[in-house]
Every structure is written in structure tokens, then in C-alpha cells.
Amino acid sequence: MLPPLRILKTTLRRTTEMLAHQLAKPREDTPDWNELEWRTAMAVAAAHGISPLLCTLPRWDDLAWSQFLVDQRAHVEHRCGRIFALLERIDAAACAEGVAVVPLKGSALHAPGLYLPGDRPMADIDLLVHERDAEKVGGLLQALGYAESFAQWKHRVFKPLEGSPPAVLGEHRDTPINIELHTHIQERLPMHTVDITDRIYPSEPQPGLNPYPSTAALLSHLLLHAAGNICNRTLRLIHLNDIALLAMRVPPSEWEALWGTHASNDTPWWALPPLTLTARYYGDAVLAKLRDPLETQCPALLRTISHHQTLTQVSCSELWLHAFAGVEWSRSLGEAKSYVTNRVRPSKETMQERSDMVRTQLWLRDQPWVTQSRGRRMLRWLTSGAPRMDTLYVVRAALAYPAALE
């Protein structure tokens, strides 16, 4: 059974912040946690995608915790092998079709050796293609045993024809590998769409898999992706770890390529919050050189809030839903008004995205909250509040995780 939600909220915050500092600056001394805190820490490690990395650090003296980390690393390593094998098949098929494909984020982070197989979970494969090649690549994926599950403004999602995700805590070697097909690299913050596709797609694409044009281009994508997750309160600790590792590899000669030369309204103001949050846990030495030029470009309210935010507040570790989370990312009163209006009266597109999530996300199945009317959900927000379904799902899985074998 779940503990009282007020206790769970405090425990989530305490364990999340402890694990964030442990990953950035490891310590050998074991926390003095009770059973609930150890189980909550498992949930946090799984939700934030850091279990395999924690397995490589000085091991804390708790048998169940240590066994969980070892098991997770083994699952991630096996799953990485499956993903790399699938990427090789996609490469061969794309070469045969004469189309260029760019593997994004997690797939690209393994190429320069930032992570070894088993270090970093990858929920799925993200691919960027030119708009003119989208249908051809969609057919290519179907020939590899995939079917399109749904499409939204950001990407098209393809799922394998066989297999279903097991209801387990964290990663599992047999979880199907979904593929998200992008023709643009963009995020809504919260209503204004930021598009950096021109920085990511190669100027001279070759048939098959293509790398990012530069380390700076990859970092720019990571920062925009993190910005979108901060805005939506879905950031994961692994995202900050990615930024911290990659930022140290961007040579000064590429900093201009990172930000580019844009008109004042196109400057990457959105990169300040993820850089500031990363610096909170990983230190300021390298990140300050990237962050300081953005201080005056970021909207004042967002800049002020960003200097005080913690990982807990912008991730699933924040137990309670916020009706207007991300409104501080609005760059004008008009944009803020549009955002609030869309939250109160969602557009058809928003309603379809919600329907797709309810249909495809394991943690939303059989949850009465998601099937309630919009009016009842708003009333609960305003009166008693509502906990996050994704957070409760992973906490329940952690509480049910088998006890360690002596």
C-alpha cells in the first residue's frame, strides 16, 4: 500500500536530491534511510534513468538496493545491444533506399564514448529525416516489422507488430523498442514553437545513418529537449547528466555554432534554465561560459525562477500536478493567456494527444483520473489537488519489487 501522500511527497524530494548529488559528486557513506526511503529511491532511480550509472559508483550498503542496480544495468546492457542491432538494420535499409537518417539523443551519445553499453537507458529510438523522405522512411520501418501507432505535432510513433511492455520497475530487456520519426527538432515553450532543425540536419546528408553536424549541435538539441521537459515538469536526471558530460567536450571554437548568429528574438534564451539547473548539481566551471551570454536574453521571470528551481520541482519527483505548470515560460502576457485558455479549454489537437497517451501509456491504464471529465479534474485541482499518475505507478512498482536474496 502507498504511504500517506504528504509523507511520500517529502520522501520523493529527499531521495531525489540525494541521488542527484550522489550521481554528480559520489560519496561512499550510506544514507541512513528507512525501508520506505530505500524503496522510493528505487522508484526515483528508475524514473530518472540513472540506475545503471549508480551501479558503477561506490555501492551503498543495502542489499536490496545493490541488487536492484545490478539487475537494472544487466537489463539496460541487453536492451542496448538490441537497439544497436536495430540501428544497423535501419542503416542498411536507408542506404538501400538512398535516404539520410540522423539517430538522435541517446543513440548519438553512445557514439563518442560518453556512455558505455549498459550505462544509459534508451526508451526508444529517435530518428530525424528530411520531410521529403518521411513517407519513404515510414515504409522502410514497416518493412522492418513496425506499424504506425499515432502521430502528433512533434513526431510519428512506430511500434513493433509483436510484443508488449512488461509491467515492471525500470528497464526490462524484453521491452519493445519503439521508434519516433521526426522531420523537425522542435519544442513548445509553452505555446511558442522553437525549431532548431537547421542546426541538427547535416548540410551534406549521406544515405544511411548520419551523425550530428558537430558536438555543439548535439548539445543544442539536448538543451532544447531539456527545456521542453522542464516546461512540462518531465525532466529526468539523466538529461542533466547528458548535458554535463557533453558540455565539457564542446571546444571553444564551436560555441558560436552552439548559439549561432541570430536576431535578438531568435537567440537561444531557452537554454538558460537547463544550463542553470545542470550547474546546480554538476558545478559551474564549464557551464558558466555557456550560460552567462544568455542571462540577458532569457525572460526576467523565467530567469529568476530558474535560479531557484531544483530537479524535484521540474520532474516526476514533484508528486502533485500543477494546473498551469510551465506558464512562466511565456514570453508575453498574450502567450500566457493563450496557454491558460488552452489548459482550461483544450484544443482538438490537445485532446487527441491526451487520448493517444491514455491508449498507449502503461501507467495510465485503468486510472479513473484520466477518464474523468475536464470539469471534474479542474475542480479537484482547485480543491484537494491531484497526484501524478506516472509517479504513483513507479512508486507502487518499487514497493512491490521482490526482496533481496541473502
Protein backbone atom coordinates (compact mmCIF):
# COMPACT_ATOMS: atom_id res chain seq x y z
CA MET A 1 0.00 0.00 0.00
CA LEU A 2 1.08 3.55 -0.65
CA PRO A 3 2.09 5.65 2.37
CA PRO A 4 0.18 8.89 3.09
CA LEU A 5 0.79 11.24 0.16
CA ARG A 6 2.26 14.01 2.34
CA ILE A 7 4.91 11.55 3.55
CA LEU A 8 5.52 10.28 0.04
CA LYS A 9 5.97 13.84 -1.25
CA THR A 10 8.68 14.53 1.34
CA THR A 11 10.37 11.18 0.73
CA LEU A 12 10.43 11.73 -3.03
CA ARG A 13 12.07 15.11 -2.59
CA ARG A 14 14.66 13.84 -0.10
CA THR A 15 15.69 10.80 -2.14
CA THR A 16 15.67 12.66 -5.47
CA GLU A 17 18.00 15.39 -4.24
CA MET A 18 20.27 12.85 -2.54
CA LEU A 19 20.60 10.77 -5.72
CA ALA A 20 21.19 13.87 -7.85
CA HIS A 21 24.11 14.91 -5.67
CA GLN A 22 25.38 11.33 -5.49
CA LEU A 23 25.49 10.99 -9.27
CA ALA A 24 27.30 14.31 -9.71
CA LYS A 25 29.67 14.00 -6.73
CA PRO A 26 29.72 10.40 -5.45
CA ARG A 27 30.16 9.65 -1.75
CA GLU A 28 30.80 6.28 -0.14
CA ASP A 29 28.83 6.77 3.09
CA THR A 30 25.45 5.02 3.04
CA PRO A 31 22.35 7.16 3.74
CA ASP A 32 20.50 6.41 6.96
CA TRP A 33 17.24 5.56 5.19
CA ASN A 34 14.27 3.54 6.35
CA GLU A 35 12.60 0.90 4.16
CA LEU A 36 10.21 3.39 2.55
CA GLU A 37 13.09 5.69 1.62
CA TRP A 38 15.10 2.86 0.04
CA ARG A 39 12.07 1.76 -1.97
CA THR A 40 11.32 5.34 -3.01
CA ALA A 41 14.95 5.72 -4.06
CA MET A 42 14.47 2.71 -6.37
CA ALA A 43 11.45 4.42 -7.89
CA VAL A 44 13.38 7.68 -8.35
CA ALA A 45 16.41 5.94 -9.88
CA ALA A 46 14.18 4.11 -12.35
CA ALA A 47 12.08 7.15 -13.25
CA HIS A 48 15.15 9.33 -13.79
CA GLY A 49 17.02 6.75 -15.85
CA ILE A 50 20.10 6.62 -13.60
CA SER A 51 20.03 3.11 -12.11
CA PRO A 52 22.81 1.73 -14.39
CA LEU A 53 25.10 4.70 -13.70
CA LEU A 54 24.57 4.42 -9.94
CA CYS A 55 25.66 0.79 -10.26
CA THR A 56 29.13 1.99 -11.36
CA LEU A 57 29.58 4.27 -8.33
CA PRO A 58 30.67 3.34 -4.78
CA ARG A 59 27.98 0.90 -3.68
CA TRP A 60 25.80 1.85 -0.73
CA ASP A 61 25.43 -0.80 1.95
CA ASP A 62 21.90 -2.01 1.33
CA LEU A 63 21.43 -5.44 -0.20
CA ALA A 64 18.09 -4.84 -1.94
CA TRP A 65 19.30 -1.53 -3.38
CA SER A 66 22.53 -3.04 -4.70
CA GLN A 67 20.72 -5.99 -6.26
CA PHE A 68 18.24 -3.66 -7.94
CA LEU A 69 21.04 -1.59 -9.51
CA VAL A 70 22.89 -4.67 -10.76
CA ASP A 71 19.70 -6.09 -12.27
CA GLN A 72 18.87 -2.79 -13.96
CA ARG A 73 22.31 -2.48 -15.51
CA ALA A 74 22.07 -6.01 -16.93
CA HIS A 75 18.67 -5.23 -18.48
CA VAL A 76 19.91 -1.94 -19.97
CA GLU A 77 23.04 -3.55 -21.43
CA HIS A 78 20.97 -6.26 -23.09
CA ARG A 79 18.47 -3.72 -24.41
CA CYS A 80 21.30 -1.53 -25.75
CA GLY A 81 22.51 -4.49 -27.79
CA ARG A 82 19.04 -4.88 -29.29
CA ILE A 83 18.85 -1.15 -30.10
CA PHE A 84 22.27 -1.06 -31.76
CA ALA A 85 21.38 -4.13 -33.83
CA LEU A 86 18.14 -2.46 -34.94
CA LEU A 87 20.05 0.71 -35.87
CA GLU A 88 22.33 -1.38 -38.08
CA ARG A 89 19.27 -2.77 -39.88
CA ILE A 90 17.87 0.74 -40.30
CA ASP A 91 21.23 1.90 -41.66
CA ALA A 92 21.32 -0.88 -44.24
CA ALA A 93 17.72 -0.25 -45.30
CA ALA A 94 18.25 3.53 -45.52
CA CYS A 95 21.38 3.04 -47.63
CA ALA A 96 19.43 0.75 -49.96
CA GLU A 97 16.64 3.35 -50.27
CA GLY A 98 19.10 6.23 -50.68
CA VAL A 99 17.72 8.24 -47.74
CA ALA A 100 19.58 10.02 -44.94
CA VAL A 101 18.64 9.38 -41.30
CA VAL A 102 20.05 11.04 -38.16
CA PRO A 103 19.82 8.98 -34.93
CA LEU A 104 19.08 11.41 -32.09
CA LYS A 105 19.89 11.91 -28.41
CA GLY A 106 20.65 8.61 -26.62
CA SER A 107 21.77 6.79 -29.75
CA ALA A 108 24.16 9.63 -30.60
CA LEU A 109 25.52 9.96 -27.06
CA HIS A 110 26.98 6.46 -27.20
CA ALA A 111 28.94 7.14 -30.40
CA PRO A 112 31.66 9.40 -28.89
CA GLY A 113 32.05 7.13 -25.88
CA LEU A 114 30.25 9.31 -23.34
CA TYR A 115 28.44 6.16 -22.26
CA LEU A 116 29.30 2.50 -22.47
CA PRO A 117 26.61 -0.07 -23.38
CA GLY A 118 24.59 -0.54 -20.22
CA ASP A 119 25.29 2.93 -18.76
CA ARG A 120 22.31 4.80 -20.14
CA PRO A 121 18.75 3.59 -20.73
CA MET A 122 17.12 4.43 -24.06
CA ALA A 123 13.33 4.33 -24.01
CA ASP A 124 13.15 4.26 -27.80
CA ILE A 125 14.96 5.24 -31.00
CA ASP A 126 14.53 8.81 -32.26
CA LEU A 127 15.23 9.45 -35.94
CA LEU A 128 15.37 12.71 -37.88
CA VAL A 129 14.67 12.65 -41.62
CA HIS A 130 14.00 15.30 -44.24
CA GLU A 131 10.32 15.98 -44.85
CA ARG A 132 10.60 14.72 -48.43
CA ASP A 133 11.85 11.34 -47.13
CA ALA A 134 9.33 10.86 -44.30
CA GLU A 135 6.95 8.57 -46.16
CA LYS A 136 9.77 6.53 -47.64
CA VAL A 137 11.33 6.02 -44.19
CA GLY A 138 7.90 5.20 -42.77
CA GLY A 139 7.59 2.44 -45.37
CA LEU A 140 11.11 1.31 -44.53
CA LEU A 141 10.13 0.92 -40.87
CA GLN A 142 7.03 -1.03 -41.82
CA ALA A 143 9.21 -3.41 -43.83
CA LEU A 144 11.26 -3.93 -40.64
CA GLY A 145 8.16 -5.10 -38.76
CA TYR A 146 6.76 -1.81 -37.46
CA ALA A 147 3.36 -0.15 -37.67
CA GLU A 148 2.50 3.50 -37.06
CA SER A 149 0.77 3.84 -33.69
CA PHE A 150 -0.08 7.54 -33.70
CA ALA A 151 1.16 10.92 -34.91
CA GLN A 152 1.33 14.31 -33.21
CA TRP A 153 2.86 17.71 -33.92
CA LYS A 154 6.29 16.62 -32.74
CA HIS A 155 6.76 13.17 -34.28
CA ARG A 156 5.21 9.96 -35.58
CA VAL A 157 5.43 6.91 -33.31
CA PHE A 158 6.06 3.45 -34.75
CA LYS A 159 5.69 0.32 -32.64
CA PRO A 160 6.76 -3.26 -33.43
CA LEU A 161 3.96 -5.53 -34.56
CA GLU A 162 4.82 -8.04 -31.85
CA GLY A 163 5.48 -7.67 -28.15
CA SER A 164 4.03 -5.58 -25.34
CA PRO A 165 5.78 -3.74 -22.50
CA PRO A 166 6.08 -5.75 -19.27
CA ALA A 167 4.71 -4.07 -16.15
CA VAL A 168 7.97 -3.90 -14.20
CA LEU A 169 10.04 -1.39 -12.28
CA GLY A 170 12.51 0.40 -14.52
CA GLU A 171 14.10 -1.16 -17.58
CA HIS A 172 13.48 -4.64 -18.95
CA ARG A 173 15.42 -6.42 -21.68
CA ASP A 174 12.26 -7.55 -23.46
CA THR A 175 10.51 -4.17 -23.62
CA PRO A 176 9.61 -3.47 -27.27
CA ILE A 177 11.75 -0.83 -28.99
CA ASN A 178 9.56 1.98 -30.27
CA ILE A 179 10.74 4.38 -32.97
CA GLU A 180 9.86 8.08 -33.07
CA LEU A 181 10.21 9.63 -36.52
CA HIS A 182 10.90 13.38 -36.65
CA THR A 183 11.01 15.79 -39.57
CA HIS A 184 11.70 18.75 -37.27
CA ILE A 185 13.54 19.25 -33.98
CA GLN A 186 11.20 21.47 -32.04
CA GLU A 187 9.62 22.13 -28.65
CA ARG A 188 6.65 24.19 -27.49
CA LEU A 189 7.65 26.54 -24.65
CA PRO A 190 4.81 26.53 -23.64
CA MET A 191 2.93 27.71 -26.76
CA HIS A 192 5.69 29.26 -28.86
CA THR A 193 7.42 26.63 -31.00
CA VAL A 194 11.23 26.71 -31.05
CA ASP A 195 12.66 24.91 -34.10
CA ILE A 196 16.39 24.12 -34.45
CA THR A 197 16.17 21.61 -37.28
CA ASP A 198 18.63 23.62 -39.39
CA ARG A 199 21.30 23.10 -36.71
CA ILE A 200 20.74 19.35 -36.50
CA TYR A 201 20.18 18.09 -40.03
CA PRO A 202 23.50 17.67 -41.91
CA SER A 203 24.28 20.13 -44.70
CA GLU A 204 25.55 17.29 -46.88
CA PRO A 205 23.49 14.23 -45.88
CA GLN A 206 24.58 10.79 -46.99
CA PRO A 207 22.39 7.69 -47.48
CA GLY A 208 22.13 5.71 -44.26
CA LEU A 209 22.77 6.87 -40.70
CA ASN A 210 24.34 10.31 -40.30
CA PRO A 211 25.92 11.84 -37.19
CA TYR A 212 25.09 15.29 -35.80
CA PRO A 213 27.00 18.02 -37.65
CA SER A 214 29.01 18.80 -34.51
CA THR A 215 29.24 18.27 -30.76
CA ALA A 216 27.68 21.72 -30.36
CA ALA A 217 24.69 20.66 -32.47
CA LEU A 218 24.09 17.64 -30.24
CA LEU A 219 24.38 19.79 -27.11
CA SER A 220 21.96 22.33 -28.57
CA HIS A 221 19.43 19.54 -29.11
CA LEU A 222 19.92 18.20 -25.58
CA LEU A 223 19.36 21.68 -24.15
CA LEU A 224 16.18 22.27 -26.15
CA HIS A 225 14.85 18.82 -25.21
CA ALA A 226 15.62 19.52 -21.54
CA ALA A 227 13.94 22.93 -21.82
CA GLY A 228 10.77 21.29 -23.07
CA ASN A 229 10.86 18.78 -20.24
CA ILE A 230 11.43 21.49 -17.62
CA CYS A 231 8.50 23.44 -19.03
CA ASN A 232 6.29 20.33 -18.84
CA ARG A 233 7.70 19.12 -15.47
CA THR A 234 9.02 15.90 -17.02
CA LEU A 235 12.78 16.39 -16.75
CA ARG A 236 14.92 13.36 -15.83
CA LEU A 237 18.25 13.42 -14.03
CA ILE A 238 19.86 11.54 -16.92
CA HIS A 239 19.15 14.62 -19.08
CA LEU A 240 21.26 16.79 -16.79
CA ASN A 241 23.99 14.17 -16.75
CA ASP A 242 23.99 14.15 -20.57
CA ILE A 243 24.40 17.94 -20.66
CA ALA A 244 27.16 17.97 -18.05
CA LEU A 245 29.18 15.29 -19.85
CA LEU A 246 28.78 16.77 -23.31
CA ALA A 247 29.35 20.42 -22.32
CA MET A 248 32.91 19.57 -21.32
CA ARG A 249 33.54 18.24 -24.84
CA VAL A 250 32.41 21.29 -26.76
CA PRO A 251 35.57 23.12 -27.90
CA PRO A 252 35.56 26.94 -27.67
CA SER A 253 35.65 27.05 -31.48
CA GLU A 254 32.15 25.51 -31.53
CA TRP A 255 30.48 27.81 -29.03
CA GLU A 256 29.48 30.19 -31.80
CA ALA A 257 27.97 27.25 -33.66
CA LEU A 258 26.11 26.31 -30.49
CA TRP A 259 24.29 29.64 -30.25
CA GLY A 260 24.70 30.79 -33.83
CA THR A 261 24.21 34.35 -35.04
CA HIS A 262 20.53 35.11 -34.81
CA ALA A 263 18.28 38.10 -34.49
CA SER A 264 17.56 39.02 -30.87
CA ASN A 265 14.18 37.30 -30.91
CA ASP A 266 15.76 34.03 -32.13
CA THR A 267 18.53 33.79 -29.54
CA PRO A 268 18.54 30.54 -27.52
CA TRP A 269 17.04 32.07 -24.38
CA TRP A 270 15.50 28.65 -23.66
CA ALA A 271 18.92 27.14 -22.93
CA LEU A 272 19.43 29.13 -19.73
CA PRO A 273 17.11 27.11 -17.42
CA PRO A 274 18.61 23.67 -18.27
CA LEU A 275 22.16 25.07 -18.03
CA THR A 276 21.38 26.71 -14.69
CA LEU A 277 19.83 23.53 -13.31
CA THR A 278 22.74 21.40 -14.53
CA ALA A 279 25.20 23.79 -12.86
CA ARG A 280 23.29 23.47 -9.58
CA TYR A 281 24.32 19.81 -9.31
CA TYR A 282 27.41 19.44 -11.50
CA GLY A 283 29.27 22.69 -10.82
CA ASP A 284 29.73 25.91 -12.70
CA ALA A 285 33.22 25.78 -14.23
CA VAL A 286 32.35 24.89 -17.82
CA LEU A 287 28.66 25.67 -17.81
CA ALA A 288 29.12 29.31 -16.75
CA LYS A 289 30.87 30.11 -20.03
CA LEU A 290 27.86 28.77 -21.91
CA ARG A 291 25.24 30.23 -19.58
CA ASP A 292 26.44 33.79 -18.97
CA PRO A 293 25.76 35.08 -22.52
CA LEU A 294 22.11 34.01 -22.14
CA GLU A 295 21.37 35.84 -18.88
CA THR A 296 20.01 38.95 -20.55
CA GLN A 297 18.19 37.05 -23.31
CA CYS A 298 16.00 34.89 -21.06
CA PRO A 299 12.68 36.45 -19.90
CA ALA A 300 13.12 38.01 -16.46
CA LEU A 301 10.51 35.90 -14.64
CA LEU A 302 11.80 32.64 -16.09
CA ARG A 303 15.39 33.63 -15.35
CA THR A 304 14.55 34.42 -11.72
CA ILE A 305 12.60 31.19 -11.20
CA SER A 306 15.32 29.12 -12.87
CA HIS A 307 17.95 30.30 -10.40
CA HIS A 308 15.93 28.73 -7.56
CA GLN A 309 14.49 25.59 -9.13
CA THR A 310 15.51 22.08 -8.10
CA LEU A 311 15.35 18.82 -10.02
CA THR A 312 12.45 17.68 -7.85
CA GLN A 313 10.30 20.66 -8.80
CA VAL A 314 10.60 20.12 -12.57
CA SER A 315 10.36 16.33 -12.72
CA CYS A 316 8.03 13.48 -11.83
CA SER A 317 9.55 13.62 -8.33
CA GLU A 318 7.15 16.50 -7.70
CA LEU A 319 4.17 14.44 -6.61
CA TRP A 320 1.38 16.92 -7.23
CA LEU A 321 0.07 18.04 -10.60
CA HIS A 322 0.09 21.78 -11.28
CA ALA A 323 -2.75 23.09 -13.40
CA PHE A 324 -0.64 25.75 -15.14
CA ALA A 325 2.85 24.28 -14.89
CA GLY A 326 5.17 25.98 -17.35
CA VAL A 327 3.26 29.26 -17.67
CA GLU A 328 6.45 31.07 -16.56
CA TRP A 329 7.98 30.12 -19.92
CA SER A 330 5.56 32.51 -21.68
CA ARG A 331 7.35 35.48 -23.24
CA SER A 332 4.33 37.80 -23.24
CA LEU A 333 1.01 38.26 -21.49
CA GLY A 334 -0.73 37.22 -24.69
CA GLU A 335 1.14 33.95 -24.81
CA ALA A 336 0.42 33.30 -21.13
CA LYS A 337 -3.28 33.96 -21.75
CA SER A 338 -3.30 31.56 -24.70
CA TYR A 339 -1.62 28.89 -22.57
CA VAL A 340 -4.12 29.24 -19.72
CA THR A 341 -7.02 29.19 -22.21
CA ASN A 342 -5.70 26.01 -23.80
CA ARG A 343 -5.42 24.38 -20.39
CA VAL A 344 -8.99 25.33 -19.45
CA ARG A 345 -10.42 24.64 -22.92
CA PRO A 346 -8.04 22.22 -24.65
CA SER A 347 -7.88 22.27 -28.44
CA LYS A 348 -8.84 19.23 -30.51
CA GLU A 349 -5.14 18.56 -31.01
CA THR A 350 -4.51 18.60 -27.26
CA MET A 351 -7.46 16.30 -26.62
CA GLN A 352 -6.19 13.86 -29.27
CA GLU A 353 -2.72 13.85 -27.71
CA ARG A 354 -4.29 13.04 -24.36
CA SER A 355 -6.34 10.25 -25.91
CA ASP A 356 -3.20 8.78 -27.53
CA MET A 357 -1.40 8.83 -24.20
CA VAL A 358 -4.25 7.08 -22.38
CA ARG A 359 -4.29 4.42 -25.09
CA THR A 360 -0.54 3.81 -25.27
CA GLN A 361 0.99 4.54 -21.85
CA LEU A 362 1.05 1.61 -19.43
CA TRP A 363 0.97 3.83 -16.34
CA LEU A 364 -2.33 5.45 -17.43
CA ARG A 365 -4.30 2.25 -17.89
CA ASP A 366 -7.22 1.66 -15.51
CA GLN A 367 -6.69 5.03 -13.81
CA PRO A 368 -10.03 6.76 -13.06
CA TRP A 369 -8.37 10.21 -13.03
CA VAL A 370 -7.63 10.19 -16.76
CA THR A 371 -11.21 9.26 -17.72
CA GLN A 372 -12.86 11.95 -15.61
CA SER A 373 -14.38 14.97 -17.31
CA ARG A 374 -12.26 18.10 -17.68
CA GLY A 375 -14.54 19.93 -15.24
CA ARG A 376 -14.11 17.33 -12.51
CA ARG A 377 -10.35 17.31 -12.95
CA MET A 378 -10.19 21.10 -12.70
CA LEU A 379 -12.37 21.03 -9.57
CA ARG A 380 -10.05 18.52 -7.94
CA TRP A 381 -7.02 20.61 -8.87
CA LEU A 382 -8.57 23.65 -7.19
CA THR A 383 -9.79 21.85 -4.07
CA SER A 384 -7.73 18.87 -2.93
CA GLY A 385 -5.09 18.61 -5.66
CA ALA A 386 -4.21 15.55 -7.74
CA PRO A 387 -1.11 13.35 -7.61
CA ARG A 388 0.78 12.39 -10.76
CA MET A 389 -0.21 9.01 -12.15
CA ASP A 390 3.27 8.30 -13.57
CA THR A 391 4.84 8.91 -10.17
CA LEU A 392 2.37 6.72 -8.30
CA TYR A 393 2.85 3.96 -10.87
CA VAL A 394 6.61 3.77 -10.40
CA VAL A 395 6.35 4.07 -6.60
CA ARG A 396 3.88 1.18 -6.48
CA ALA A 397 6.24 -0.89 -8.65
CA ALA A 398 9.12 -0.12 -6.28
CA LEU A 399 7.10 -1.08 -3.22
CA ALA A 400 6.22 -4.38 -4.89
CA TYR A 401 9.79 -5.10 -6.02
CA PRO A 402 10.98 -8.51 -4.71
CA ALA A 403 13.01 -8.52 -1.53
CA ALA A 404 16.74 -9.11 -1.86
CA LEU A 405 18.03 -12.68 -1.68
CA GLU A 406 20.56 -13.26 1.08
